[in-house]
N, C-alpha and C. Protein backbone atom coordinates (compact mmCIF):
# COMPACT_ATOMS: atom_id res chain seq x y z
N MET A 1 146.98 160.85 70.07
CA MET A 1 147.95 161.67 70.73
C MET A 1 147.25 162.93 71.26
N SER A 2 147.58 163.34 72.48
CA SER A 2 146.90 164.49 73.06
C SER A 2 147.88 165.48 73.67
N VAL A 3 147.38 166.67 73.93
CA VAL A 3 148.15 167.74 74.55
C VAL A 3 147.53 168.03 75.91
N HIS A 4 148.37 168.07 76.92
CA HIS A 4 147.91 168.33 78.29
C HIS A 4 148.59 169.59 78.83
N PRO A 5 147.90 170.33 79.69
CA PRO A 5 148.55 171.47 80.32
C PRO A 5 149.72 171.00 81.18
N CYS A 6 150.75 171.81 81.26
CA CYS A 6 151.90 171.48 82.10
C CYS A 6 151.46 171.34 83.55
N PRO A 7 152.05 170.40 84.28
CA PRO A 7 151.68 170.23 85.69
C PRO A 7 151.83 171.51 86.52
N HIS A 8 152.80 172.38 86.14
CA HIS A 8 152.95 173.60 86.94
C HIS A 8 151.76 174.54 86.76
N TYR A 9 151.03 174.46 85.64
CA TYR A 9 149.81 175.26 85.48
C TYR A 9 148.72 174.74 86.42
N LEU A 10 148.59 173.42 86.51
CA LEU A 10 147.60 172.85 87.43
C LEU A 10 147.90 173.27 88.87
N GLU A 11 149.16 173.21 89.22
CA GLU A 11 149.58 173.59 90.57
C GLU A 11 149.36 175.09 90.80
N ALA A 12 149.69 175.90 89.81
CA ALA A 12 149.51 177.35 89.94
C ALA A 12 148.04 177.71 90.12
N ILE A 13 147.16 177.02 89.40
CA ILE A 13 145.73 177.27 89.54
C ILE A 13 145.26 176.85 90.93
N GLN A 14 145.66 175.65 91.34
CA GLN A 14 145.25 175.14 92.65
C GLN A 14 145.72 176.04 93.79
N ASN A 15 146.93 176.59 93.69
CA ASN A 15 147.51 177.37 94.77
C ASN A 15 147.36 178.88 94.61
N PHE A 16 146.60 179.31 93.60
CA PHE A 16 146.46 180.76 93.38
C PHE A 16 145.77 181.38 94.59
N PRO A 17 146.37 182.42 95.16
CA PRO A 17 145.77 183.03 96.36
C PRO A 17 144.52 183.84 96.03
N THR A 18 143.70 184.06 97.04
CA THR A 18 142.50 184.85 96.88
C THR A 18 142.89 186.26 96.43
N PRO A 19 142.31 186.74 95.33
CA PRO A 19 142.64 188.09 94.84
C PRO A 19 142.28 189.16 95.88
N ARG A 20 143.18 190.15 96.01
CA ARG A 20 142.96 191.24 96.96
C ARG A 20 142.81 192.60 96.29
N ASN A 21 143.10 192.62 94.97
CA ASN A 21 142.99 193.89 94.23
C ASN A 21 142.85 193.58 92.74
N ILE A 22 142.74 194.62 91.93
CA ILE A 22 142.52 194.43 90.49
C ILE A 22 143.72 193.76 89.83
N THR A 23 144.92 194.01 90.31
CA THR A 23 146.11 193.37 89.75
C THR A 23 146.04 191.86 89.95
N ASP A 24 145.61 191.43 91.13
CA ASP A 24 145.48 189.99 91.41
C ASP A 24 144.43 189.34 90.50
N ILE A 25 143.31 190.03 90.30
CA ILE A 25 142.25 189.42 89.46
C ILE A 25 142.70 189.38 88.00
N ARG A 26 143.46 190.39 87.55
CA ARG A 26 144.03 190.34 86.20
C ARG A 26 145.01 189.19 86.07
N SER A 27 145.79 188.95 87.10
CA SER A 27 146.73 187.81 87.09
C SER A 27 145.96 186.49 86.99
N TRP A 28 144.84 186.39 87.69
CA TRP A 28 144.00 185.19 87.64
C TRP A 28 143.49 184.95 86.22
N PHE A 29 142.97 186.01 85.59
CA PHE A 29 142.49 185.90 84.21
C PHE A 29 143.64 185.50 83.28
N GLY A 30 144.81 186.08 83.48
CA GLY A 30 145.97 185.75 82.64
C GLY A 30 146.39 184.29 82.79
N LEU A 31 146.39 183.79 84.02
CA LEU A 31 146.74 182.38 84.25
C LEU A 31 145.74 181.47 83.56
N ILE A 32 144.46 181.73 83.71
CA ILE A 32 143.43 180.89 83.10
C ILE A 32 143.51 180.97 81.58
N ASN A 33 143.89 182.11 81.05
CA ASN A 33 144.04 182.26 79.61
C ASN A 33 145.11 181.31 79.06
N GLN A 34 146.10 180.96 79.86
CA GLN A 34 147.17 180.05 79.43
C GLN A 34 146.66 178.63 79.16
N VAL A 35 145.55 178.25 79.76
CA VAL A 35 145.00 176.90 79.57
C VAL A 35 143.64 176.93 78.88
N SER A 36 143.26 178.08 78.34
CA SER A 36 141.91 178.23 77.76
C SER A 36 141.71 177.41 76.48
N TYR A 37 142.77 176.87 75.90
CA TYR A 37 142.61 176.01 74.73
C TYR A 37 141.93 174.69 75.08
N ALA A 38 141.89 174.35 76.37
CA ALA A 38 141.38 173.04 76.79
C ALA A 38 139.98 173.08 77.41
N PHE A 39 139.42 174.27 77.61
CA PHE A 39 138.06 174.36 78.16
C PHE A 39 137.50 175.74 77.87
N ALA A 40 136.19 175.86 77.93
CA ALA A 40 135.53 177.14 77.69
C ALA A 40 135.51 177.92 79.00
N SER A 41 136.30 178.97 79.08
CA SER A 41 136.53 179.67 80.35
C SER A 41 135.48 180.72 80.70
N THR A 42 134.68 181.15 79.76
CA THR A 42 133.76 182.27 80.00
C THR A 42 132.86 182.03 81.21
N GLU A 43 132.26 180.86 81.30
CA GLU A 43 131.33 180.58 82.39
C GLU A 43 132.03 180.64 83.75
N ARG A 44 133.24 180.15 83.83
CA ARG A 44 133.98 180.12 85.10
C ARG A 44 134.50 181.49 85.51
N LEU A 45 134.77 182.36 84.54
CA LEU A 45 135.32 183.69 84.84
C LEU A 45 134.25 184.78 84.95
N GLN A 46 133.05 184.50 84.49
CA GLN A 46 131.96 185.49 84.47
C GLN A 46 131.73 186.16 85.82
N PRO A 47 131.70 185.44 86.94
CA PRO A 47 131.42 186.11 88.22
C PRO A 47 132.44 187.18 88.62
N PHE A 48 133.62 187.16 87.99
CA PHE A 48 134.69 188.08 88.37
C PHE A 48 134.89 189.22 87.38
N CYS A 49 134.15 189.19 86.27
CA CYS A 49 134.30 190.18 85.20
C CYS A 49 134.08 191.62 85.66
N HIS A 50 133.08 191.80 86.49
CA HIS A 50 132.76 193.16 86.91
C HIS A 50 133.93 193.83 87.63
N LEU A 51 134.82 193.03 88.20
CA LEU A 51 135.97 193.59 88.92
C LEU A 51 137.00 194.22 87.99
N LEU A 52 136.93 193.89 86.70
CA LEU A 52 137.88 194.42 85.73
C LEU A 52 137.41 195.71 85.06
N LYS A 53 136.17 196.08 85.27
CA LYS A 53 135.63 197.27 84.61
C LYS A 53 136.27 198.53 85.18
N PRO A 54 136.66 199.44 84.29
CA PRO A 54 137.26 200.69 84.75
C PRO A 54 136.32 201.46 85.69
N GLY A 55 136.88 202.01 86.72
CA GLY A 55 136.10 202.81 87.66
C GLY A 55 135.34 202.01 88.70
N THR A 56 135.44 200.68 88.65
CA THR A 56 134.74 199.84 89.62
C THR A 56 135.61 199.67 90.86
N HIS A 57 134.99 199.88 92.01
CA HIS A 57 135.69 199.68 93.29
C HIS A 57 135.87 198.18 93.52
N PHE A 58 137.10 197.75 93.82
CA PHE A 58 137.36 196.33 94.04
C PHE A 58 136.81 195.94 95.42
N GLU A 59 135.89 194.99 95.40
CA GLU A 59 135.33 194.49 96.65
C GLU A 59 135.16 192.98 96.54
N TRP A 60 135.83 192.25 97.43
CA TRP A 60 135.78 190.79 97.44
C TRP A 60 134.91 190.37 98.62
N TYR A 61 133.88 189.58 98.36
CA TYR A 61 132.98 189.17 99.42
C TYR A 61 132.88 187.65 99.47
N LYS A 62 132.20 187.14 100.46
CA LYS A 62 132.15 185.70 100.75
C LYS A 62 131.68 184.87 99.56
N GLU A 63 130.64 185.33 98.87
CA GLU A 63 130.12 184.58 97.72
C GLU A 63 131.17 184.47 96.61
N LEU A 64 131.91 185.55 96.37
CA LEU A 64 132.98 185.51 95.37
C LEU A 64 134.08 184.53 95.79
N ASP A 65 134.37 184.51 97.08
CA ASP A 65 135.39 183.59 97.57
C ASP A 65 134.98 182.14 97.32
N HIS A 66 133.71 181.84 97.57
CA HIS A 66 133.21 180.49 97.31
C HIS A 66 133.28 180.15 95.82
N LEU A 67 132.85 181.09 94.96
CA LEU A 67 132.90 180.87 93.51
C LEU A 67 134.34 180.73 93.01
N PHE A 68 135.24 181.48 93.61
CA PHE A 68 136.65 181.42 93.23
C PHE A 68 137.23 180.03 93.53
N GLU A 69 137.01 179.54 94.72
CA GLU A 69 137.53 178.22 95.11
C GLU A 69 136.88 177.12 94.25
N GLU A 70 135.59 177.25 94.00
CA GLU A 70 134.88 176.28 93.16
C GLU A 70 135.43 176.31 91.73
N SER A 71 135.68 177.51 91.21
CA SER A 71 136.18 177.64 89.83
C SER A 71 137.55 176.98 89.69
N LYS A 72 138.38 177.09 90.70
CA LYS A 72 139.71 176.46 90.63
C LYS A 72 139.58 174.95 90.47
N SER A 73 138.72 174.35 91.27
CA SER A 73 138.53 172.89 91.20
C SER A 73 137.95 172.46 89.86
N VAL A 74 136.93 173.18 89.38
CA VAL A 74 136.28 172.82 88.12
C VAL A 74 137.25 172.99 86.95
N ILE A 75 138.00 174.08 86.93
CA ILE A 75 138.95 174.32 85.84
C ILE A 75 140.01 173.23 85.80
N ILE A 76 140.56 172.87 86.93
CA ILE A 76 141.56 171.80 86.97
C ILE A 76 140.97 170.50 86.46
N HIS A 77 139.75 170.18 86.89
CA HIS A 77 139.09 168.95 86.43
C HIS A 77 138.88 168.97 84.91
N GLU A 78 138.45 170.11 84.37
CA GLU A 78 138.14 170.21 82.95
C GLU A 78 139.39 170.17 82.06
N ILE A 79 140.50 170.72 82.52
CA ILE A 79 141.68 170.78 81.66
C ILE A 79 142.61 169.59 81.81
N ARG A 80 142.43 168.79 82.85
CA ARG A 80 143.35 167.69 83.13
C ARG A 80 143.42 166.69 81.96
N LYS A 81 142.30 166.43 81.28
CA LYS A 81 142.29 165.49 80.15
C LYS A 81 143.04 166.03 78.95
N GLY A 82 143.15 167.34 78.84
CA GLY A 82 143.81 167.93 77.68
C GLY A 82 142.95 167.86 76.44
N VAL A 83 143.58 167.98 75.29
CA VAL A 83 142.89 167.94 74.00
C VAL A 83 143.66 167.05 73.04
N GLU A 84 142.96 166.54 72.04
CA GLU A 84 143.59 165.69 71.03
C GLU A 84 144.28 166.54 69.95
N ILE A 85 145.30 166.00 69.35
CA ILE A 85 145.98 166.66 68.24
C ILE A 85 145.05 166.63 67.02
N PHE A 86 144.96 167.75 66.32
CA PHE A 86 144.10 167.85 65.14
C PHE A 86 144.70 167.04 63.99
N GLU A 87 143.85 166.25 63.34
CA GLU A 87 144.27 165.48 62.16
C GLU A 87 143.33 165.86 61.02
N LYS A 88 143.88 166.44 59.96
CA LYS A 88 143.04 167.00 58.90
C LYS A 88 142.20 165.97 58.15
N THR A 89 142.50 164.69 58.26
CA THR A 89 141.74 163.68 57.53
C THR A 89 140.52 163.17 58.30
N ARG A 90 140.38 163.51 59.55
CA ARG A 90 139.25 163.02 60.36
C ARG A 90 138.01 163.88 60.16
N PRO A 91 136.81 163.28 60.26
CA PRO A 91 135.59 164.08 60.28
C PRO A 91 135.66 165.06 61.46
N THR A 92 135.24 166.29 61.21
CA THR A 92 135.40 167.37 62.19
C THR A 92 134.06 168.04 62.44
N CYS A 93 133.82 168.39 63.70
CA CYS A 93 132.60 169.09 64.09
C CYS A 93 132.98 170.33 64.88
N LEU A 94 132.47 171.47 64.45
CA LEU A 94 132.66 172.72 65.17
C LEU A 94 131.32 173.06 65.82
N ALA A 95 131.25 172.90 67.14
CA ALA A 95 130.02 173.16 67.88
C ALA A 95 130.14 174.50 68.58
N THR A 96 129.07 175.28 68.58
CA THR A 96 129.11 176.61 69.16
C THR A 96 127.87 176.88 69.99
N ASP A 97 127.99 177.83 70.88
CA ASP A 97 126.85 178.25 71.67
C ASP A 97 126.99 179.71 72.03
N TRP A 98 125.88 180.40 72.10
CA TRP A 98 125.82 181.80 72.48
C TRP A 98 124.96 181.94 73.70
N SER A 99 125.34 182.83 74.60
CA SER A 99 124.48 183.24 75.71
C SER A 99 124.66 184.74 75.89
N LYS A 100 123.88 185.33 76.72
CA LYS A 100 123.99 186.77 76.95
C LYS A 100 125.35 187.13 77.54
N GLU A 101 126.01 186.19 78.19
CA GLU A 101 127.31 186.44 78.81
C GLU A 101 128.48 186.16 77.89
N GLY A 102 128.35 185.19 76.97
CA GLY A 102 129.51 184.85 76.15
C GLY A 102 129.21 183.91 75.00
N ILE A 103 130.26 183.66 74.23
CA ILE A 103 130.22 182.76 73.07
C ILE A 103 131.30 181.71 73.30
N GLY A 104 130.94 180.45 73.06
CA GLY A 104 131.91 179.38 73.21
C GLY A 104 131.90 178.46 72.02
N PHE A 105 133.02 177.77 71.81
CA PHE A 105 133.06 176.77 70.75
C PHE A 105 133.92 175.59 71.18
N TRP A 106 133.63 174.45 70.55
CA TRP A 106 134.37 173.21 70.76
C TRP A 106 134.64 172.62 69.40
N LEU A 107 135.87 172.31 69.11
CA LEU A 107 136.25 171.65 67.86
C LEU A 107 136.48 170.18 68.20
N PHE A 108 135.64 169.32 67.65
CA PHE A 108 135.70 167.88 67.91
C PHE A 108 136.15 167.15 66.65
N GLN A 109 136.77 165.98 66.84
CA GLN A 109 137.07 165.11 65.71
C GLN A 109 136.67 163.68 66.06
N LYS A 110 136.22 162.98 65.03
CA LYS A 110 135.76 161.60 65.20
C LYS A 110 136.95 160.66 65.33
N HIS A 111 136.92 159.83 66.39
CA HIS A 111 138.00 158.88 66.65
C HIS A 111 137.48 157.45 66.75
N CYS A 112 136.23 157.23 66.40
CA CYS A 112 135.67 155.88 66.51
C CYS A 112 135.46 155.28 65.12
N GLY A 113 135.08 154.04 65.08
CA GLY A 113 134.84 153.35 63.82
C GLY A 113 133.37 153.24 63.48
N CYS A 114 132.52 153.98 64.18
CA CYS A 114 131.08 153.92 63.90
C CYS A 114 130.79 154.30 62.45
N SER A 115 129.80 153.67 61.88
CA SER A 115 129.44 153.97 60.50
C SER A 115 128.66 155.28 60.38
N SER A 116 128.09 155.76 61.49
CA SER A 116 127.32 156.99 61.47
C SER A 116 128.22 158.19 61.19
N THR A 117 127.70 159.13 60.40
CA THR A 117 128.45 160.36 60.13
C THR A 117 127.95 161.50 61.02
N ARG A 118 127.00 161.22 61.90
CA ARG A 118 126.46 162.23 62.80
C ARG A 118 127.41 162.47 63.97
N PRO A 119 127.55 163.70 64.40
CA PRO A 119 128.38 163.97 65.58
C PRO A 119 127.86 163.24 66.81
N PHE A 120 128.78 162.80 67.63
CA PHE A 120 128.49 162.17 68.91
C PHE A 120 127.70 160.88 68.77
N CYS A 121 128.13 160.05 67.81
CA CYS A 121 127.47 158.76 67.53
C CYS A 121 127.63 157.79 68.69
N CYS A 122 128.70 157.90 69.44
CA CYS A 122 128.91 157.05 70.60
C CYS A 122 129.61 157.88 71.69
N LYS A 123 129.66 157.35 72.89
CA LYS A 123 130.16 158.12 74.04
C LYS A 123 131.60 158.59 73.88
N GLU A 124 132.47 157.77 73.39
CA GLU A 124 133.89 158.14 73.28
C GLU A 124 134.34 158.41 71.85
N GLY A 125 133.40 158.49 70.92
CA GLY A 125 133.75 158.61 69.51
C GLY A 125 134.32 159.94 69.08
N TRP A 126 133.85 161.04 69.66
CA TRP A 126 134.30 162.38 69.26
C TRP A 126 135.10 162.99 70.39
N LYS A 127 136.31 163.45 70.07
CA LYS A 127 137.21 163.99 71.10
C LYS A 127 137.51 165.46 70.82
N ILE A 128 137.70 166.20 71.89
CA ILE A 128 137.97 167.64 71.78
C ILE A 128 139.38 167.88 71.23
N THR A 129 139.45 168.77 70.25
CA THR A 129 140.71 169.19 69.65
C THR A 129 141.08 170.61 70.08
N LEU A 130 140.09 171.46 70.22
CA LEU A 130 140.32 172.85 70.59
C LEU A 130 139.05 173.40 71.21
N VAL A 131 139.20 174.28 72.18
CA VAL A 131 138.07 174.93 72.84
C VAL A 131 138.38 176.41 72.94
N GLY A 132 137.37 177.23 72.85
CA GLY A 132 137.57 178.66 73.02
C GLY A 132 136.29 179.34 73.44
N SER A 133 136.44 180.52 74.01
CA SER A 133 135.28 181.29 74.41
C SER A 133 135.68 182.75 74.55
N ARG A 134 134.66 183.59 74.57
CA ARG A 134 134.88 185.01 74.82
C ARG A 134 133.61 185.59 75.41
N PHE A 135 133.75 186.72 76.09
CA PHE A 135 132.60 187.41 76.64
C PHE A 135 131.93 188.20 75.53
N THR A 136 130.63 188.39 75.64
CA THR A 136 129.92 189.22 74.67
C THR A 136 130.05 190.68 75.07
N SER A 137 129.98 191.55 74.08
CA SER A 137 129.98 192.99 74.36
C SER A 137 128.59 193.38 74.86
N GLY A 138 128.46 194.63 75.30
CA GLY A 138 127.16 195.10 75.77
C GLY A 138 126.07 194.94 74.72
N ALA A 139 126.37 195.35 73.49
CA ALA A 139 125.39 195.24 72.40
C ALA A 139 125.08 193.78 72.09
N GLU A 140 126.10 192.93 72.03
CA GLU A 140 125.90 191.51 71.70
C GLU A 140 125.07 190.80 72.76
N SER A 141 125.16 191.25 74.00
CA SER A 141 124.40 190.61 75.08
C SER A 141 122.90 190.89 74.95
N ARG A 142 122.54 191.88 74.15
CA ARG A 142 121.12 192.22 73.96
C ARG A 142 120.54 191.64 72.67
N TYR A 143 121.31 190.83 71.96
CA TYR A 143 120.79 190.20 70.74
C TYR A 143 119.68 189.23 71.07
N ALA A 144 118.79 189.05 70.12
CA ALA A 144 117.79 187.98 70.22
C ALA A 144 118.55 186.65 70.07
N PRO A 145 118.03 185.56 70.64
CA PRO A 145 118.76 184.29 70.57
C PRO A 145 119.19 183.87 69.16
N VAL A 146 118.32 184.03 68.18
CA VAL A 146 118.68 183.61 66.82
C VAL A 146 119.82 184.48 66.27
N GLU A 147 119.81 185.78 66.62
CA GLU A 147 120.90 186.66 66.19
C GLU A 147 122.20 186.31 66.91
N GLY A 148 122.10 185.99 68.18
CA GLY A 148 123.28 185.59 68.96
C GLY A 148 123.90 184.32 68.44
N GLU A 149 123.06 183.35 68.10
CA GLU A 149 123.58 182.09 67.55
C GLU A 149 124.24 182.31 66.20
N ALA A 150 123.67 183.21 65.39
CA ALA A 150 124.30 183.54 64.10
C ALA A 150 125.65 184.22 64.33
N LEU A 151 125.71 185.13 65.30
CA LEU A 151 126.97 185.77 65.65
C LEU A 151 128.00 184.71 66.08
N ALA A 152 127.56 183.78 66.91
CA ALA A 152 128.46 182.72 67.38
C ALA A 152 128.99 181.90 66.21
N ALA A 153 128.13 181.58 65.25
CA ALA A 153 128.56 180.79 64.09
C ALA A 153 129.63 181.54 63.30
N VAL A 154 129.43 182.82 63.07
CA VAL A 154 130.41 183.61 62.33
C VAL A 154 131.71 183.72 63.13
N ASP A 155 131.58 184.01 64.42
CA ASP A 155 132.75 184.19 65.28
C ASP A 155 133.60 182.92 65.35
N VAL A 156 132.95 181.77 65.51
CA VAL A 156 133.71 180.54 65.68
C VAL A 156 134.24 179.97 64.37
N LEU A 157 133.70 180.39 63.27
CA LEU A 157 134.29 179.97 61.99
C LEU A 157 135.61 180.69 61.75
N ASP A 158 135.79 181.82 62.40
CA ASP A 158 137.03 182.58 62.25
C ASP A 158 138.13 182.10 63.20
N LYS A 159 137.81 181.85 64.45
CA LYS A 159 138.84 181.54 65.45
C LYS A 159 139.68 180.31 65.10
N PRO A 160 139.09 179.17 64.77
CA PRO A 160 139.92 178.00 64.44
C PRO A 160 140.15 177.85 62.94
N ARG A 161 140.16 178.96 62.22
CA ARG A 161 140.24 178.92 60.75
C ARG A 161 141.46 178.17 60.24
N HIS A 162 142.55 178.20 60.99
CA HIS A 162 143.76 177.50 60.55
C HIS A 162 143.55 175.98 60.55
N PHE A 163 142.61 175.51 61.35
CA PHE A 163 142.28 174.09 61.38
C PHE A 163 141.25 173.74 60.31
N ILE A 164 140.23 174.58 60.16
CA ILE A 164 139.08 174.16 59.34
C ILE A 164 139.13 174.61 57.89
N LEU A 165 140.00 175.55 57.53
CA LEU A 165 140.11 175.93 56.12
C LEU A 165 140.53 174.72 55.29
N GLY A 166 139.77 174.39 54.29
CA GLY A 166 140.08 173.23 53.45
C GLY A 166 139.63 171.91 54.04
N CYS A 167 138.95 171.93 55.18
CA CYS A 167 138.48 170.72 55.82
C CYS A 167 137.34 170.15 54.96
N SER A 168 137.53 168.97 54.44
CA SER A 168 136.54 168.40 53.50
C SER A 168 135.35 167.77 54.21
N ASP A 169 135.44 167.52 55.50
CA ASP A 169 134.37 166.86 56.23
C ASP A 169 134.07 167.64 57.50
N LEU A 170 133.49 168.85 57.36
CA LEU A 170 133.22 169.74 58.49
C LEU A 170 131.72 169.86 58.73
N ILE A 171 131.36 169.72 60.01
CA ILE A 171 129.97 169.90 60.42
C ILE A 171 129.95 171.09 61.38
N LEU A 172 129.05 172.05 61.15
CA LEU A 172 128.85 173.16 62.07
C LEU A 172 127.61 172.86 62.88
N ALA A 173 127.75 172.71 64.19
CA ALA A 173 126.64 172.34 65.07
C ALA A 173 126.19 173.54 65.89
N LEU A 174 124.92 173.90 65.74
CA LEU A 174 124.30 174.99 66.51
C LEU A 174 123.11 174.43 67.26
N ASP A 175 122.69 175.11 68.31
CA ASP A 175 121.52 174.60 69.03
C ASP A 175 120.24 175.38 68.72
N HIS A 176 120.24 176.18 67.67
CA HIS A 176 119.02 176.86 67.23
C HIS A 176 118.82 176.62 65.76
C-alpha cells in the first residue's frame, strides 16, 4: 500500500508561475514543502535559496528560469510514485547523505523475499517509506566530510524517530 501526492499538488507544481518577487519564491518553497515527504527537495531548491536571504535584492535571470522549469519536471517525476506505508515488522534501512549544501535521508523497507539481509539486495526489493532533507547552516557547510556525515547520522536518527524507535531490524547506511 502506498501514499501518493494529491493530483492537485502535481497540477499546482506544473502550473506554478515564474516567481517575480520574494513572496512568490516563498510560495514556491511552501508548495514544495507539501510534497517533501516523497523526495529530497534540497538539491532542487538550492539554486533559489539565495533569494530568501534577508537584504538580498530579488533578481530573476534566464539561468534561474531554466532551473525553475527543470525543477518542476523533476519534482513531479520524483513524487509521482509516492511512498510505501511503513510497516514496523519489515527490515528497515535509514540511508543518509551530507553535502555542503544540505542533509538528506531516505527511509527504506524491504518488500522482497530475498534471503539477503543487506540493503538493496535486488532492484525492486527496498521501497521508500519516507524522505526528508534540509539545508545546512553556514557553520555546517564548512564541516569536514566525516564530521558532516556524523551530523547527518545524528540529524536523521531524530527526524523519523516515530518510525524507528523500537525498530528491531534497523540498518543505518552512510557513505563514509
